[in-house]
Amino acid sequence: MTAQSNISPQSEYIQHHLVHFNNLGEKQPNIVQFDTINYDSIFWSLFMGLLAIFLLWRISRKATSGVPNRLQSGLEIIVELIDTQAKSIIPNKDTLNFISPLALTIFIWVIFMNSLDLLPVDLFPSIVKLLGIGNKHGDLLYYHRILPTADLNVPLGMSLSVLLLVIYYGIKEKTFSIFIKNLFSSPFHAKGLMLLLLAPINFSLNVVEYLAKSISLSMRLFGNMFAGELIFMLIALLGGSCNDFSLLSVGLGFVHILAGTIWSIFHILIIILQAFIFMMLTLVYIGESQQGH
């Protein structure tokens, strides 16, 4: 008897939905692997990014100086909110001209990606099965995860991009020589021989600070969306238990619908909040890079 046969149907169901469509084929779920290309995460993150750009373009084209429609009004509120936050954090106006639209893009893009979690867990597998391309174990698209922000590679890639912007604008604002000097002379300031002794410690602390910011930025988004995805799977298991018209099945079906509705409503707040936090921390980190210690 193999170890796989000892796995309960519920555990196997959850494990199946945690495996990506990748270049390795069938594989147990893993959070990070450097030899893996998750095609589903790449596709859905790019698709939602292009969809967000297209919708913003359509709204901007139909924008009017008269009475705005609902979409334009909503977008104007978001733009004004983000622009106000950016102006209060970013001291340099030249930097602000690029970072403010970037913050808007991040906010809308993360919301669009997170919103994929509201789709039913088994919707895509059912479509694949209906099309006849996922009937056999391991067939094309048999494994597929639609939520890119629940794949640590996506938030980590975004946070590393933010880290590069932090370093770039830190150098641009202070010049390269002053930026390097600050790496070795802060947070513990000293002069002469003491500065030489503290330089390795200062450098180590600054490197740890940059890495901690990047990792925490990605882990916060990933952790919340991954946990939300797991809860949706557990709720889906309740619906899968309704296989007849017994009192127990009817009760489980009612709990499934009620729990799914409540969690979906609550999850909308998480989707928006996590996008806002990611956007705000991006502004804060870039703003800090342009300030002296």
C-alpha atoms as a PDB file:
ATOM      1  CA  MET A   1       0.000   0.000   0.000  1.00  0.00           C
ATOM      2  CA  THR A   2       1.429   3.349  -1.000  1.00  0.00           C
ATOM      3  CA  ALA A   3       1.442   6.468   1.141  1.00  0.00           C
ATOM      4  CA  GLN A   4      -0.900   8.168  -1.341  1.00  0.00           C
ATOM      5  CA  SER A   5      -3.662   5.613  -0.626  1.00  0.00           C
ATOM      6  CA  ASN A   6      -3.705   6.591   3.048  1.00  0.00           C
ATOM      7  CA  ILE A   7      -4.743  10.165   2.244  1.00  0.00           C
ATOM      8  CA  SER A   8      -8.389  10.911   2.973  1.00  0.00           C
ATOM      9  CA  PRO A   9     -10.623  12.155   0.117  1.00  0.00           C
ATOM     10  CA  GLN A  10     -10.889  15.549   1.838  1.00  0.00           C
ATOM     11  CA  SER A  11      -7.106  15.924   2.066  1.00  0.00           C
ATOM     12  CA  GLU A  12      -6.683  14.728  -1.503  1.00  0.00           C
ATOM     13  CA  TYR A  13      -9.286  17.269  -2.655  1.00  0.00           C
ATOM     14  CA  ILE A  14      -7.434  20.156  -0.990  1.00  0.00           C
ATOM     15  CA  GLN A  15      -4.022  18.941  -2.192  1.00  0.00           C
ATOM     16  CA  HIS A  16      -5.330  18.701  -5.741  1.00  0.00           C
ATOM     17  CA  HIS A  17      -6.480  22.329  -5.692  1.00  0.00           C
ATOM     18  CA  LEU A  18      -3.111  23.466  -4.325  1.00  0.00           C
ATOM     19  CA  VAL A  19      -1.085  22.079  -7.246  1.00  0.00           C
ATOM     20  CA  HIS A  20      -0.228  24.460 -10.078  1.00  0.00           C
ATOM     21  CA  PHE A  21      -0.257  23.841 -13.803  1.00  0.00           C
ATOM     22  CA  ASN A  22       3.499  23.968 -14.265  1.00  0.00           C
ATOM     23  CA  ASN A  23       6.401  22.659 -16.314  1.00  0.00           C
ATOM     24  CA  LEU A  24       6.927  19.673 -14.001  1.00  0.00           C
ATOM     25  CA  GLY A  25       3.539  18.067 -14.534  1.00  0.00           C
ATOM     26  CA  GLU A  26       1.963  16.185 -11.619  1.00  0.00           C
ATOM     27  CA  LYS A  27       3.574  17.144  -8.326  1.00  0.00           C
ATOM     28  CA  GLN A  28       2.639  17.567  -4.699  1.00  0.00           C
ATOM     29  CA  PRO A  29       1.900  21.175  -3.702  1.00  0.00           C
ATOM     30  CA  ASN A  30       4.953  23.256  -2.854  1.00  0.00           C
ATOM     31  CA  ILE A  31       5.151  26.914  -1.926  1.00  0.00           C
ATOM     32  CA  VAL A  32       8.419  27.886  -3.617  1.00  0.00           C
ATOM     33  CA  GLN A  33      10.538  25.924  -6.100  1.00  0.00           C
ATOM     34  CA  PHE A  34      13.168  27.614  -8.196  1.00  0.00           C
ATOM     35  CA  ASP A  35      12.974  25.014 -10.978  1.00  0.00           C
ATOM     36  CA  THR A  36       9.224  25.431 -11.462  1.00  0.00           C
ATOM     37  CA  ILE A  37       7.316  27.707 -13.835  1.00  0.00           C
ATOM     38  CA  ASN A  38       3.693  28.069 -12.752  1.00  0.00           C
ATOM     39  CA  TYR A  39       1.939  28.770 -16.031  1.00  0.00           C
ATOM     40  CA  ASP A  40      -1.428  29.388 -14.381  1.00  0.00           C
ATOM     41  CA  SER A  41      -0.058  32.131 -12.096  1.00  0.00           C
ATOM     42  CA  ILE A  42       1.718  33.814 -14.999  1.00  0.00           C
ATOM     43  CA  PHE A  43      -1.368  33.687 -17.207  1.00  0.00           C
ATOM     44  CA  TRP A  44      -3.879  34.992 -14.654  1.00  0.00           C
ATOM     45  CA  SER A  45      -1.625  37.740 -13.283  1.00  0.00           C
ATOM     46  CA  LEU A  46      -0.904  39.026 -16.802  1.00  0.00           C
ATOM     47  CA  PHE A  47      -4.531  38.630 -17.871  1.00  0.00           C
ATOM     48  CA  MET A  48      -5.858  40.574 -14.884  1.00  0.00           C
ATOM     49  CA  GLY A  49      -3.197  43.238 -15.376  1.00  0.00           C
ATOM     50  CA  LEU A  50      -4.169  43.714 -19.018  1.00  0.00           C
ATOM     51  CA  LEU A  51      -7.854  43.690 -18.069  1.00  0.00           C
ATOM     52  CA  ALA A  52      -7.257  46.396 -15.453  1.00  0.00           C
ATOM     53  CA  ILE A  53      -5.338  48.534 -17.988  1.00  0.00           C
ATOM     54  CA  PHE A  54      -8.080  48.061 -20.574  1.00  0.00           C
ATOM     55  CA  LEU A  55     -10.859  49.076 -18.172  1.00  0.00           C
ATOM     56  CA  LEU A  56      -8.913  52.127 -16.972  1.00  0.00           C
ATOM     57  CA  TRP A  57      -8.314  53.095 -20.601  1.00  0.00           C
ATOM     58  CA  ARG A  58     -12.009  52.713 -21.443  1.00  0.00           C
ATOM     59  CA  ILE A  59     -13.091  54.782 -18.443  1.00  0.00           C
ATOM     60  CA  SER A  60     -10.550  57.520 -19.218  1.00  0.00           C
ATOM     61  CA  ARG A  61     -11.677  57.695 -22.862  1.00  0.00           C
ATOM     62  CA  LYS A  62     -15.301  58.180 -21.843  1.00  0.00           C
ATOM     63  CA  ALA A  63     -14.452  60.636 -19.067  1.00  0.00           C
ATOM     64  CA  THR A  64     -16.314  63.921 -19.206  1.00  0.00           C
ATOM     65  CA  SER A  65     -16.023  67.256 -17.428  1.00  0.00           C
ATOM     66  CA  GLY A  66     -19.788  67.269 -16.987  1.00  0.00           C
ATOM     67  CA  VAL A  67     -21.812  64.868 -14.880  1.00  0.00           C
ATOM     68  CA  PRO A  68     -19.649  61.728 -14.568  1.00  0.00           C
ATOM     69  CA  ASN A  69     -21.035  58.198 -14.725  1.00  0.00           C
ATOM     70  CA  ARG A  70     -20.658  55.764 -11.854  1.00  0.00           C
ATOM     71  CA  LEU A  71     -17.432  54.193 -13.116  1.00  0.00           C
ATOM     72  CA  GLN A  72     -15.789  57.570 -13.653  1.00  0.00           C
ATOM     73  CA  SER A  73     -16.941  58.788 -10.236  1.00  0.00           C
ATOM     74  CA  GLY A  74     -15.560  55.670  -8.555  1.00  0.00           C
ATOM     75  CA  LEU A  75     -12.252  55.925 -10.385  1.00  0.00           C
ATOM     76  CA  GLU A  76     -11.908  59.625  -9.558  1.00  0.00           C
ATOM     77  CA  ILE A  77     -12.406  58.867  -5.866  1.00  0.00           C
ATOM     78  CA  ILE A  78      -9.693  56.186  -5.988  1.00  0.00           C
ATOM     79  CA  VAL A  79      -7.286  58.415  -7.943  1.00  0.00           C
ATOM     80  CA  GLU A  80      -7.795  61.323  -5.549  1.00  0.00           C
ATOM     81  CA  LEU A  81      -7.312  59.070  -2.516  1.00  0.00           C
ATOM     82  CA  ILE A  82      -4.086  57.557  -3.819  1.00  0.00           C
ATOM     83  CA  ASP A  83      -2.744  60.897  -5.065  1.00  0.00           C
ATOM     84  CA  THR A  84      -3.377  62.463  -1.649  1.00  0.00           C
ATOM     85  CA  GLN A  85      -1.573  59.601   0.105  1.00  0.00           C
ATOM     86  CA  ALA A  86       1.341  59.761  -2.339  1.00  0.00           C
ATOM     87  CA  LYS A  87       1.773  63.532  -1.903  1.00  0.00           C
ATOM     88  CA  SER A  88       1.881  63.146   1.881  1.00  0.00           C
ATOM     89  CA  ILE A  89       4.601  60.471   1.690  1.00  0.00           C
ATOM     90  CA  ILE A  90       6.786  61.187  -1.366  1.00  0.00           C
ATOM     91  CA  PRO A  91       8.769  64.424  -0.875  1.00  0.00           C
ATOM     92  CA  ASN A  92      10.166  64.701  -4.410  1.00  0.00           C
ATOM     93  CA  LYS A  93       7.734  66.009  -7.053  1.00  0.00           C
ATOM     94  CA  ASP A  94       9.605  64.386  -9.942  1.00  0.00           C
ATOM     95  CA  THR A  95       9.407  61.021  -8.200  1.00  0.00           C
ATOM     96  CA  LEU A  96       5.750  61.649  -7.420  1.00  0.00           C
ATOM     97  CA  ASN A  97       4.899  61.995 -11.124  1.00  0.00           C
ATOM     98  CA  PHE A  98       5.882  58.348 -11.637  1.00  0.00           C
ATOM     99  CA  ILE A  99       5.094  56.786  -8.257  1.00  0.00           C
ATOM    100  CA  SER A 100       1.534  58.099  -7.964  1.00  0.00           C
ATOM    101  CA  PRO A 101       0.350  56.369 -11.202  1.00  0.00           C
ATOM    102  CA  LEU A 102       2.389  53.312 -10.179  1.00  0.00           C
ATOM    103  CA  ALA A 103       0.546  53.171  -6.842  1.00  0.00           C
ATOM    104  CA  LEU A 104      -2.789  53.381  -8.665  1.00  0.00           C
ATOM    105  CA  THR A 105      -1.723  50.546 -10.989  1.00  0.00           C
ATOM    106  CA  ILE A 106      -0.620  48.363  -8.072  1.00  0.00           C
ATOM    107  CA  PHE A 107      -3.850  48.985  -6.176  1.00  0.00           C
ATOM    108  CA  ILE A 108      -6.145  48.156  -9.105  1.00  0.00           C
ATOM    109  CA  TRP A 109      -4.019  45.215 -10.277  1.00  0.00           C
ATOM    110  CA  VAL A 110      -3.867  43.540  -6.858  1.00  0.00           C
ATOM    111  CA  ILE A 111      -7.626  44.009  -6.402  1.00  0.00           C
ATOM    112  CA  PHE A 112      -8.276  42.361  -9.769  1.00  0.00           C
ATOM    113  CA  MET A 113      -5.973  39.422  -8.975  1.00  0.00           C
ATOM    114  CA  ASN A 114      -7.399  38.973  -5.467  1.00  0.00           C
ATOM    115  CA  SER A 115     -10.959  39.056  -6.831  1.00  0.00           C
ATOM    116  CA  LEU A 116     -10.342  35.762  -8.630  1.00  0.00           C
ATOM    117  CA  ASP A 117     -10.647  34.111  -5.229  1.00  0.00           C
ATOM    118  CA  LEU A 118     -14.385  34.891  -5.269  1.00  0.00           C
ATOM    119  CA  LEU A 119     -14.923  32.470  -8.150  1.00  0.00           C
ATOM    120  CA  PRO A 120     -16.204  29.032  -7.073  1.00  0.00           C
ATOM    121  CA  VAL A 121     -13.334  26.672  -6.260  1.00  0.00           C
ATOM    122  CA  ASP A 122     -14.526  23.943  -8.634  1.00  0.00           C
ATOM    123  CA  LEU A 123     -15.698  26.210 -11.457  1.00  0.00           C
ATOM    124  CA  PHE A 124     -12.590  25.921 -13.607  1.00  0.00           C
ATOM    125  CA  PRO A 125     -12.067  22.149 -13.035  1.00  0.00           C
ATOM    126  CA  SER A 126     -15.716  21.611 -13.994  1.00  0.00           C
ATOM    127  CA  ILE A 127     -15.250  23.568 -17.223  1.00  0.00           C
ATOM    128  CA  VAL A 128     -12.083  21.603 -18.001  1.00  0.00           C
ATOM    129  CA  LYS A 129     -13.906  18.323 -17.394  1.00  0.00           C
ATOM    130  CA  LEU A 130     -16.833  19.455 -19.531  1.00  0.00           C
ATOM    131  CA  LEU A 131     -14.472  20.240 -22.396  1.00  0.00           C
ATOM    132  CA  GLY A 132     -12.986  16.766 -22.083  1.00  0.00           C
ATOM    133  CA  ILE A 133      -9.384  17.799 -21.425  1.00  0.00           C
ATOM    134  CA  GLY A 134      -9.201  16.873 -17.766  1.00  0.00           C
ATOM    135  CA  ASN A 135     -10.966  13.556 -17.419  1.00  0.00           C
ATOM    136  CA  LYS A 136      -7.831  11.538 -16.794  1.00  0.00           C
ATOM    137  CA  HIS A 137      -5.495  12.077 -13.903  1.00  0.00           C
ATOM    138  CA  GLY A 138      -2.654  14.291 -15.046  1.00  0.00           C
ATOM    139  CA  ASP A 139      -4.162  15.485 -18.342  1.00  0.00           C
ATOM    140  CA  LEU A 140      -3.609  19.030 -19.602  1.00  0.00           C
ATOM    141  CA  LEU A 141      -5.003  21.634 -17.150  1.00  0.00           C
ATOM    142  CA  TYR A 142      -6.048  18.923 -14.680  1.00  0.00           C
ATOM    143  CA  TYR A 143      -4.062  20.931 -12.131  1.00  0.00           C
ATOM    144  CA  HIS A 144      -4.848  24.619 -12.147  1.00  0.00           C
ATOM    145  CA  ARG A 145      -4.864  27.410  -9.539  1.00  0.00           C
ATOM    146  CA  ILE A 146      -6.638  30.544 -10.597  1.00  0.00           C
ATOM    147  CA  LEU A 147      -5.495  32.833  -7.740  1.00  0.00           C
ATOM    148  CA  PRO A 148      -2.022  34.258  -8.545  1.00  0.00           C
ATOM    149  CA  THR A 149      -1.571  36.114  -5.244  1.00  0.00           C
ATOM    150  CA  ALA A 150      -1.876  32.763  -3.394  1.00  0.00           C
ATOM    151  CA  ASP A 151       1.292  31.708  -5.223  1.00  0.00           C
ATOM    152  CA  LEU A 152       4.206  33.179  -3.249  1.00  0.00           C
ATOM    153  CA  ASN A 153       6.217  33.642  -6.446  1.00  0.00           C
ATOM    154  CA  VAL A 154       3.860  36.410  -7.638  1.00  0.00           C
ATOM    155  CA  PRO A 155       3.804  38.608  -4.468  1.00  0.00           C
ATOM    156  CA  LEU A 156       7.529  37.980  -4.007  1.00  0.00           C
ATOM    157  CA  GLY A 157       8.252  39.092  -7.566  1.00  0.00           C
ATOM    158  CA  MET A 158       6.189  42.242  -7.040  1.00  0.00           C
ATOM    159  CA  SER A 159       7.929  43.018  -3.744  1.00  0.00           C
ATOM    160  CA  LEU A 160      11.363  42.536  -5.323  1.00  0.00           C
ATOM    161  CA  SER A 161      10.337  45.044  -7.998  1.00  0.00           C
ATOM    162  CA  VAL A 162       9.413  47.465  -5.222  1.00  0.00           C
ATOM    163  CA  LEU A 163      12.819  46.824  -3.615  1.00  0.00           C
ATOM    164  CA  LEU A 164      14.576  47.733  -6.866  1.00  0.00           C
ATOM    165  CA  LEU A 165      12.549  50.960  -7.032  1.00  0.00           C
ATOM    166  CA  VAL A 166      13.466  51.741  -3.421  1.00  0.00           C
ATOM    167  CA  ILE A 167      17.174  51.339  -4.200  1.00  0.00           C
ATOM    168  CA  TYR A 168      16.877  53.256  -7.485  1.00  0.00           C
ATOM    169  CA  TYR A 169      15.117  56.265  -5.997  1.00  0.00           C
ATOM    170  CA  GLY A 170      17.397  56.192  -2.960  1.00  0.00           C
ATOM    171  CA  ILE A 171      20.403  56.518  -5.265  1.00  0.00           C
ATOM    172  CA  LYS A 172      18.685  59.069  -7.493  1.00  0.00           C
ATOM    173  CA  GLU A 173      17.781  61.321  -4.557  1.00  0.00           C
ATOM    174  CA  LYS A 174      21.031  61.075  -2.579  1.00  0.00           C
ATOM    175  CA  THR A 175      23.555  60.217  -5.343  1.00  0.00           C
ATOM    176  CA  PHE A 176      25.324  56.856  -5.437  1.00  0.00           C
ATOM    177  CA  SER A 177      28.197  57.836  -3.126  1.00  0.00           C
ATOM    178  CA  ILE A 178      25.920  59.135  -0.358  1.00  0.00           C
ATOM    179  CA  PHE A 179      23.640  56.098  -0.683  1.00  0.00           C
ATOM    180  CA  ILE A 180      26.599  53.729  -0.199  1.00  0.00           C
ATOM    181  CA  LYS A 181      27.911  55.886   2.638  1.00  0.00           C
ATOM    182  CA  ASN A 182      24.581  55.647   4.459  1.00  0.00           C
ATOM    183  CA  LEU A 183      24.690  51.859   4.184  1.00  0.00           C
ATOM    184  CA  PHE A 184      27.875  51.818   6.266  1.00  0.00           C
ATOM    185  CA  SER A 185      27.315  54.845   8.540  1.00  0.00           C
ATOM    186  CA  SER A 186      23.756  54.320   9.820  1.00  0.00           C
ATOM    187  CA  PRO A 187      21.852  53.550  11.976  1.00  0.00           C
ATOM    188  CA  PHE A 188      24.815  53.693  14.406  1.00  0.00           C
ATOM    189  CA  HIS A 189      26.560  56.980  13.638  1.00  0.00           C
ATOM    190  CA  ALA A 190      30.181  57.441  14.651  1.00  0.00           C
ATOM    191  CA  LYS A 191      33.448  59.022  13.563  1.00  0.00           C
ATOM    192  CA  GLY A 192      36.988  57.886  12.978  1.00  0.00           C
ATOM    193  CA  LEU A 193      37.994  54.424  14.159  1.00  0.00           C
ATOM    194  CA  MET A 194      34.588  53.747  15.720  1.00  0.00           C
ATOM    195  CA  LEU A 195      32.949  54.269  12.309  1.00  0.00           C
ATOM    196  CA  LEU A 196      35.238  51.606  10.794  1.00  0.00           C
ATOM    197  CA  LEU A 197      34.363  49.190  13.584  1.00  0.00           C
ATOM    198  CA  LEU A 198      30.620  49.797  13.227  1.00  0.00           C
ATOM    199  CA  ALA A 199      30.598  49.786   9.403  1.00  0.00           C
ATOM    200  CA  PRO A 200      30.093  45.985   9.024  1.00  0.00           C
ATOM    201  CA  ILE A 201      27.297  46.033  11.609  1.00  0.00           C
ATOM    202  CA  ASN A 202      25.587  48.993   9.957  1.00  0.00           C
ATOM    203  CA  PHE A 203      25.835  47.373   6.537  1.00  0.00           C
ATOM    204  CA  SER A 204      24.435  44.082   7.818  1.00  0.00           C
ATOM    205  CA  LEU A 205      21.515  45.810   9.523  1.00  0.00           C
ATOM    206  CA  ASN A 206      20.664  47.808   6.402  1.00  0.00           C
ATOM    207  CA  VAL A 207      20.754  44.715   4.199  1.00  0.00           C
ATOM    208  CA  VAL A 208      18.511  42.871   6.664  1.00  0.00           C
ATOM    209  CA  GLU A 209      16.151  45.863   6.734  1.00  0.00           C
ATOM    210  CA  TYR A 210      15.811  45.927   2.934  1.00  0.00           C
ATOM    211  CA  LEU A 211      15.279  42.164   2.752  1.00  0.00           C
ATOM    212  CA  ALA A 212      12.807  42.195   5.654  1.00  0.00           C
ATOM    213  CA  LYS A 213      10.740  44.903   3.979  1.00  0.00           C
ATOM    214  CA  SER A 214      10.620  42.964   0.732  1.00  0.00           C
ATOM    215  CA  ILE A 215       9.806  39.605   2.326  1.00  0.00           C
ATOM    216  CA  SER A 216       7.191  40.998   4.720  1.00  0.00           C
ATOM    217  CA  LEU A 217       5.521  42.909   1.870  1.00  0.00           C
ATOM    218  CA  SER A 218       5.089  39.700  -0.133  1.00  0.00           C
ATOM    219  CA  MET A 219       4.299  37.376   2.779  1.00  0.00           C
ATOM    220  CA  ARG A 220       1.512  39.626   4.066  1.00  0.00           C
ATOM    221  CA  LEU A 221      -0.351  39.516   0.753  1.00  0.00           C
ATOM    222  CA  PHE A 222       0.398  35.839   0.136  1.00  0.00           C
ATOM    223  CA  GLY A 223      -0.543  34.692   3.647  1.00  0.00           C
ATOM    224  CA  ASN A 224      -3.925  36.394   3.686  1.00  0.00           C
ATOM    225  CA  MET A 225      -4.925  35.239   0.208  1.00  0.00           C
ATOM    226  CA  PHE A 226      -3.632  31.698   0.728  1.00  0.00           C
ATOM    227  CA  ALA A 227      -5.589  31.392   3.982  1.00  0.00           C
ATOM    228  CA  GLY A 228      -8.715  32.760   2.299  1.00  0.00           C
ATOM    229  CA  GLU A 229      -8.317  30.226  -0.509  1.00  0.00           C
ATOM    230  CA  LEU A 230      -8.062  27.364   1.997  1.00  0.00           C
ATOM    231  CA  ILE A 231     -11.225  28.488   3.772  1.00  0.00           C
ATOM    232  CA  PHE A 232     -13.112  28.507   0.471  1.00  0.00           C
ATOM    233  CA  MET A 233     -11.902  24.945  -0.137  1.00  0.00           C
ATOM    234  CA  LEU A 234     -13.102  23.826   3.285  1.00  0.00           C
ATOM    235  CA  ILE A 235     -16.486  25.417   2.612  1.00  0.00           C
ATOM    236  CA  ALA A 236     -16.590  23.651  -0.755  1.00  0.00           C
ATOM    237  CA  LEU A 237     -16.093  20.316   1.049  1.00  0.00           C
ATOM    238  CA  LEU A 238     -19.359  20.935   2.898  1.00  0.00           C
ATOM    239  CA  GLY A 239     -21.168  21.247  -0.418  1.00  0.00           C
ATOM    240  CA  GLY A 240     -19.466  18.087  -1.680  1.00  0.00           C
ATOM    241  CA  SER A 241     -20.948  16.149   1.260  1.00  0.00           C
ATOM    242  CA  CYS A 242     -24.508  16.764   0.008  1.00  0.00           C
ATOM    243  CA  ASN A 243     -25.007  13.531  -1.951  1.00  0.00           C
ATOM    244  CA  ASP A 244     -28.650  12.751  -1.066  1.00  0.00           C
ATOM    245  CA  PHE A 245     -31.763  14.309   0.462  1.00  0.00           C
ATOM    246  CA  SER A 246     -31.184  13.170   4.031  1.00  0.00           C
ATOM    247  CA  LEU A 247     -31.498  15.578   6.917  1.00  0.00           C
ATOM    248  CA  LEU A 248     -27.727  15.659   7.361  1.00  0.00           C
ATOM    249  CA  SER A 249     -27.089  16.437   3.684  1.00  0.00           C
ATOM    250  CA  VAL A 250     -29.709  19.181   3.637  1.00  0.00           C
ATOM    251  CA  GLY A 251     -28.200  20.667   6.810  1.00  0.00           C
ATOM    252  CA  LEU A 252     -24.684  20.572   5.354  1.00  0.00           C
ATOM    253  CA  GLY A 253     -25.981  22.157   2.159  1.00  0.00           C
ATOM    254  CA  PHE A 254     -27.562  24.990   4.116  1.00  0.00           C
ATOM    255  CA  VAL A 255     -24.364  25.534   6.137  1.00  0.00           C
ATOM    256  CA  HIS A 256     -22.356  25.441   2.888  1.00  0.00           C
ATOM    257  CA  ILE A 257     -24.444  28.208   1.298  1.00  0.00           C
ATOM    258  CA  LEU A 258     -24.564  30.306   4.481  1.00  0.00           C
ATOM    259  CA  ALA A 259     -20.838  29.983   5.241  1.00  0.00           C
ATOM    260  CA  GLY A 260     -19.890  30.631   1.626  1.00  0.00           C
ATOM    261  CA  THR A 261     -22.031  33.772   1.479  1.00  0.00           C
ATOM    262  CA  ILE A 262     -20.728  35.170   4.772  1.00  0.00           C
ATOM    263  CA  TRP A 263     -17.100  34.423   3.954  1.00  0.00           C
ATOM    264  CA  SER A 264     -17.432  35.888   0.437  1.00  0.00           C
ATOM    265  CA  ILE A 265     -18.787  39.161   1.836  1.00  0.00           C
ATOM    266  CA  PHE A 266     -16.043  39.318   4.453  1.00  0.00           C
ATOM    267  CA  HIS A 267     -13.424  38.330   1.883  1.00  0.00           C
ATOM    268  CA  ILE A 268     -14.299  41.338  -0.276  1.00  0.00           C
ATOM    269  CA  LEU A 269     -12.985  43.522   2.553  1.00  0.00           C
ATOM    270  CA  ILE A 270      -9.791  41.436   2.712  1.00  0.00           C
ATOM    271  CA  ILE A 271      -9.307  41.749  -1.056  1.00  0.00           C
ATOM    272  CA  ILE A 272      -9.504  45.551  -0.947  1.00  0.00           C
ATOM    273  CA  LEU A 273      -7.583  45.893   2.313  1.00  0.00           C
ATOM    274  CA  GLN A 274      -4.636  43.776   1.152  1.00  0.00           C
ATOM    275  CA  ALA A 275      -4.404  45.753  -2.094  1.00  0.00           C
ATOM    276  CA  PHE A 276      -4.467  49.016  -0.134  1.00  0.00           C
ATOM    277  CA  ILE A 277      -1.800  47.812   2.325  1.00  0.00           C
ATOM    278  CA  PHE A 278       0.496  46.647  -0.496  1.00  0.00           C
ATOM    279  CA  MET A 279       0.069  49.995  -2.247  1.00  0.00           C
ATOM    280  CA  MET A 280       0.615  52.052   0.923  1.00  0.00           C
ATOM    281  CA  LEU A 281       3.731  50.138   1.956  1.00  0.00           C
ATOM    282  CA  THR A 282       5.140  50.652  -1.537  1.00  0.00           C
ATOM    283  CA  LEU A 283       4.673  54.407  -1.104  1.00  0.00           C
ATOM    284  CA  VAL A 284       6.129  54.344   2.418  1.00  0.00           C
ATOM    285  CA  TYR A 285       9.229  52.369   1.450  1.00  0.00           C
ATOM    286  CA  ILE A 286       9.969  54.590  -1.555  1.00  0.00           C
ATOM    287  CA  GLY A 287       9.318  57.709   0.546  1.00  0.00           C
ATOM    288  CA  GLU A 288      11.734  56.476   3.239  1.00  0.00           C
ATOM    289  CA  SER A 289      14.424  55.843   0.630  1.00  0.00           C
ATOM    290  CA  GLN A 290      14.453  59.550  -0.236  1.00  0.00           C
ATOM    291  CA  GLN A 291      14.918  60.664   3.337  1.00  0.00           C
ATOM    292  CA  GLY A 292      18.148  60.727   5.260  1.00  0.00           C
ATOM    293  CA  HIS A 293      18.751  58.639   8.380  1.00  0.00           C
END
